[in-house]
N, C-alpha and C. Protein backbone atom coordinates (compact mmCIF):
# COMPACT_ATOMS: atom_id res chain seq x y z
N UNK A 1 -7.91 13.60 -32.17
CA UNK A 1 -7.32 12.48 -31.47
C UNK A 1 -6.58 11.61 -32.48
N UNK A 2 -5.38 11.24 -32.12
CA UNK A 2 -4.59 10.42 -33.04
C UNK A 2 -4.94 8.95 -32.87
N UNK A 3 -4.49 8.17 -33.80
CA UNK A 3 -4.75 6.72 -33.75
C UNK A 3 -4.13 6.09 -32.51
N UNK A 4 -2.93 6.56 -32.13
CA UNK A 4 -2.26 6.02 -30.95
C UNK A 4 -3.07 6.34 -29.70
N UNK A 5 -3.61 7.55 -29.60
CA UNK A 5 -4.44 7.91 -28.45
C UNK A 5 -5.65 7.00 -28.36
N UNK A 6 -6.28 6.73 -29.47
CA UNK A 6 -7.46 5.86 -29.49
C UNK A 6 -7.09 4.44 -29.06
N UNK A 7 -5.95 3.95 -29.54
CA UNK A 7 -5.50 2.61 -29.16
C UNK A 7 -5.19 2.53 -27.66
N UNK A 8 -4.56 3.56 -27.12
CA UNK A 8 -4.25 3.58 -25.70
C UNK A 8 -5.54 3.62 -24.88
N UNK A 9 -6.50 4.42 -25.32
CA UNK A 9 -7.77 4.51 -24.62
C UNK A 9 -8.50 3.16 -24.66
N UNK A 10 -8.48 2.52 -25.80
CA UNK A 10 -9.13 1.22 -25.94
C UNK A 10 -8.46 0.19 -25.03
N UNK A 11 -7.15 0.18 -24.99
CA UNK A 11 -6.42 -0.76 -24.14
C UNK A 11 -6.73 -0.50 -22.67
N UNK A 12 -6.84 0.76 -22.30
CA UNK A 12 -7.17 1.12 -20.93
C UNK A 12 -8.56 0.64 -20.55
N UNK A 13 -9.51 0.81 -21.44
CA UNK A 13 -10.89 0.36 -21.18
C UNK A 13 -10.95 -1.15 -21.02
N UNK A 14 -10.25 -1.87 -21.89
CA UNK A 14 -10.23 -3.33 -21.81
C UNK A 14 -9.58 -3.77 -20.50
N UNK A 15 -8.47 -3.16 -20.14
CA UNK A 15 -7.77 -3.54 -18.92
C UNK A 15 -8.65 -3.29 -17.69
N UNK A 16 -9.33 -2.16 -17.66
CA UNK A 16 -10.20 -1.85 -16.52
C UNK A 16 -11.38 -2.80 -16.45
N UNK A 17 -11.96 -3.12 -17.58
CA UNK A 17 -13.14 -3.98 -17.58
C UNK A 17 -12.82 -5.43 -17.26
N UNK A 18 -11.59 -5.86 -17.53
CA UNK A 18 -11.22 -7.25 -17.25
C UNK A 18 -10.45 -7.38 -15.94
N UNK A 19 -10.20 -6.27 -15.27
CA UNK A 19 -9.52 -6.32 -13.99
C UNK A 19 -8.02 -6.47 -14.08
N UNK A 20 -7.45 -6.28 -15.25
CA UNK A 20 -6.00 -6.40 -15.40
C UNK A 20 -5.33 -5.15 -14.82
N UNK A 21 -4.16 -5.36 -14.23
CA UNK A 21 -3.40 -4.25 -13.66
C UNK A 21 -2.04 -4.19 -14.32
N UNK A 22 -1.47 -3.01 -14.32
CA UNK A 22 -0.14 -2.80 -14.87
C UNK A 22 0.87 -3.43 -13.91
N UNK A 23 1.59 -4.48 -14.32
CA UNK A 23 2.52 -5.15 -13.41
C UNK A 23 3.63 -4.24 -12.89
N UNK A 24 4.05 -3.29 -13.69
CA UNK A 24 5.10 -2.36 -13.24
C UNK A 24 4.57 -1.48 -12.11
N UNK A 25 3.33 -1.02 -12.23
CA UNK A 25 2.74 -0.19 -11.18
C UNK A 25 2.51 -0.99 -9.90
N UNK A 26 2.10 -2.23 -10.04
CA UNK A 26 1.90 -3.09 -8.88
C UNK A 26 3.22 -3.31 -8.15
N UNK A 27 4.27 -3.59 -8.89
CA UNK A 27 5.59 -3.82 -8.29
C UNK A 27 6.09 -2.56 -7.60
N UNK A 28 5.89 -1.42 -8.20
CA UNK A 28 6.34 -0.16 -7.61
C UNK A 28 5.58 0.13 -6.32
N UNK A 29 4.28 -0.11 -6.33
CA UNK A 29 3.49 0.10 -5.12
C UNK A 29 3.90 -0.83 -4.00
N UNK A 30 4.16 -2.07 -4.36
CA UNK A 30 4.59 -3.05 -3.35
C UNK A 30 5.95 -2.67 -2.78
N UNK A 31 6.83 -2.18 -3.62
CA UNK A 31 8.16 -1.77 -3.17
C UNK A 31 8.04 -0.67 -2.12
N UNK A 32 7.20 0.29 -2.38
CA UNK A 32 6.98 1.37 -1.41
C UNK A 32 6.39 0.84 -0.12
N UNK A 33 5.46 -0.11 -0.23
CA UNK A 33 4.83 -0.69 0.94
C UNK A 33 5.81 -1.47 1.79
N UNK A 34 6.74 -2.15 1.17
CA UNK A 34 7.73 -2.91 1.91
C UNK A 34 8.69 -2.01 2.67
N UNK A 35 8.97 -0.86 2.11
CA UNK A 35 9.90 0.08 2.76
C UNK A 35 9.21 0.92 3.83
N UNK A 36 7.91 1.09 3.71
CA UNK A 36 7.17 2.04 4.54
C UNK A 36 7.32 1.85 6.03
N UNK A 37 7.08 0.64 6.53
CA UNK A 37 7.13 0.40 7.97
C UNK A 37 8.52 0.62 8.55
N UNK A 38 9.52 0.16 7.86
CA UNK A 38 10.90 0.33 8.34
C UNK A 38 11.29 1.80 8.35
N UNK A 39 10.92 2.52 7.29
CA UNK A 39 11.26 3.93 7.21
C UNK A 39 10.55 4.72 8.30
N UNK A 40 9.28 4.37 8.57
CA UNK A 40 8.52 5.06 9.61
C UNK A 40 9.13 4.78 10.97
N UNK A 41 9.48 3.54 11.24
CA UNK A 41 10.07 3.18 12.53
C UNK A 41 11.40 3.90 12.74
N UNK A 42 12.16 4.02 11.68
CA UNK A 42 13.46 4.69 11.78
C UNK A 42 13.29 6.18 12.09
N UNK A 43 12.22 6.77 11.58
CA UNK A 43 11.98 8.20 11.78
C UNK A 43 11.43 8.50 13.17
N UNK A 44 10.83 7.51 13.84
CA UNK A 44 10.26 7.73 15.17
C UNK A 44 11.33 7.65 16.25
N UNK A 45 11.08 8.37 17.34
CA UNK A 45 12.00 8.28 18.47
C UNK A 45 11.74 6.96 19.20
N UNK A 46 12.69 6.55 20.00
CA UNK A 46 12.54 5.30 20.76
C UNK A 46 11.35 5.40 21.70
N UNK A 47 11.14 6.56 22.27
CA UNK A 47 10.01 6.77 23.19
C UNK A 47 8.67 6.58 22.47
N UNK A 48 8.55 7.16 21.29
CA UNK A 48 7.30 7.07 20.53
C UNK A 48 7.07 5.62 20.06
N UNK A 49 8.12 4.94 19.62
CA UNK A 49 7.98 3.53 19.22
C UNK A 49 7.50 2.68 20.40
N UNK A 50 8.05 2.96 21.58
CA UNK A 50 7.67 2.22 22.77
C UNK A 50 6.19 2.46 23.11
N UNK A 51 5.74 3.71 22.99
CA UNK A 51 4.33 4.04 23.25
C UNK A 51 3.41 3.30 22.29
N UNK A 52 3.78 3.28 21.02
CA UNK A 52 2.98 2.59 20.00
C UNK A 52 2.94 1.09 20.29
N UNK A 53 4.09 0.52 20.66
CA UNK A 53 4.16 -0.92 20.95
C UNK A 53 3.31 -1.27 22.16
N UNK A 54 3.35 -0.45 23.21
CA UNK A 54 2.55 -0.70 24.40
C UNK A 54 1.05 -0.65 24.08
N UNK A 55 0.67 0.32 23.29
CA UNK A 55 -0.74 0.45 22.91
C UNK A 55 -1.19 -0.76 22.10
N UNK A 56 -0.34 -1.21 21.18
CA UNK A 56 -0.68 -2.38 20.35
C UNK A 56 -0.78 -3.64 21.20
N UNK A 57 0.14 -3.81 22.14
CA UNK A 57 0.12 -4.99 23.01
C UNK A 57 -1.11 -4.98 23.91
N UNK A 58 -1.45 -3.81 24.44
CA UNK A 58 -2.63 -3.70 25.29
C UNK A 58 -3.89 -4.06 24.51
N UNK A 59 -3.98 -3.64 23.27
CA UNK A 59 -5.13 -3.97 22.45
C UNK A 59 -5.18 -5.47 22.16
N UNK A 60 -4.05 -6.07 21.85
CA UNK A 60 -4.02 -7.51 21.55
C UNK A 60 -4.44 -8.34 22.74
N UNK A 61 -4.03 -7.95 23.93
CA UNK A 61 -4.29 -8.74 25.14
C UNK A 61 -5.57 -8.34 25.85
N UNK A 62 -6.24 -7.30 25.39
CA UNK A 62 -7.49 -6.89 26.04
C UNK A 62 -8.59 -7.92 25.75
N UNK A 63 -9.57 -7.95 26.62
CA UNK A 63 -10.70 -8.87 26.42
C UNK A 63 -11.69 -8.19 25.48
N UNK A 64 -11.50 -8.38 24.22
CA UNK A 64 -12.39 -7.74 23.24
C UNK A 64 -13.34 -8.77 22.67
N UNK A 65 -14.50 -8.31 22.27
CA UNK A 65 -15.49 -9.20 21.69
C UNK A 65 -15.22 -9.38 20.21
N UNK A 66 -15.32 -10.60 19.73
CA UNK A 66 -15.11 -10.88 18.30
C UNK A 66 -16.40 -10.90 17.55
């Protein structure tokens, strides 16, 4: 194992133990999440979107116990 490998491993252990996250990875994940719903809606047919919307509305307005 090289010195650089050891340093990277040590940095990884410290980051995991302190709860730090890689900001670049967080931003990339968020970017995908922001695009996801729009891309999914665009891929669905109008009929399927309408079915999903009706099901969601019925659930919201149903008398459910909290």
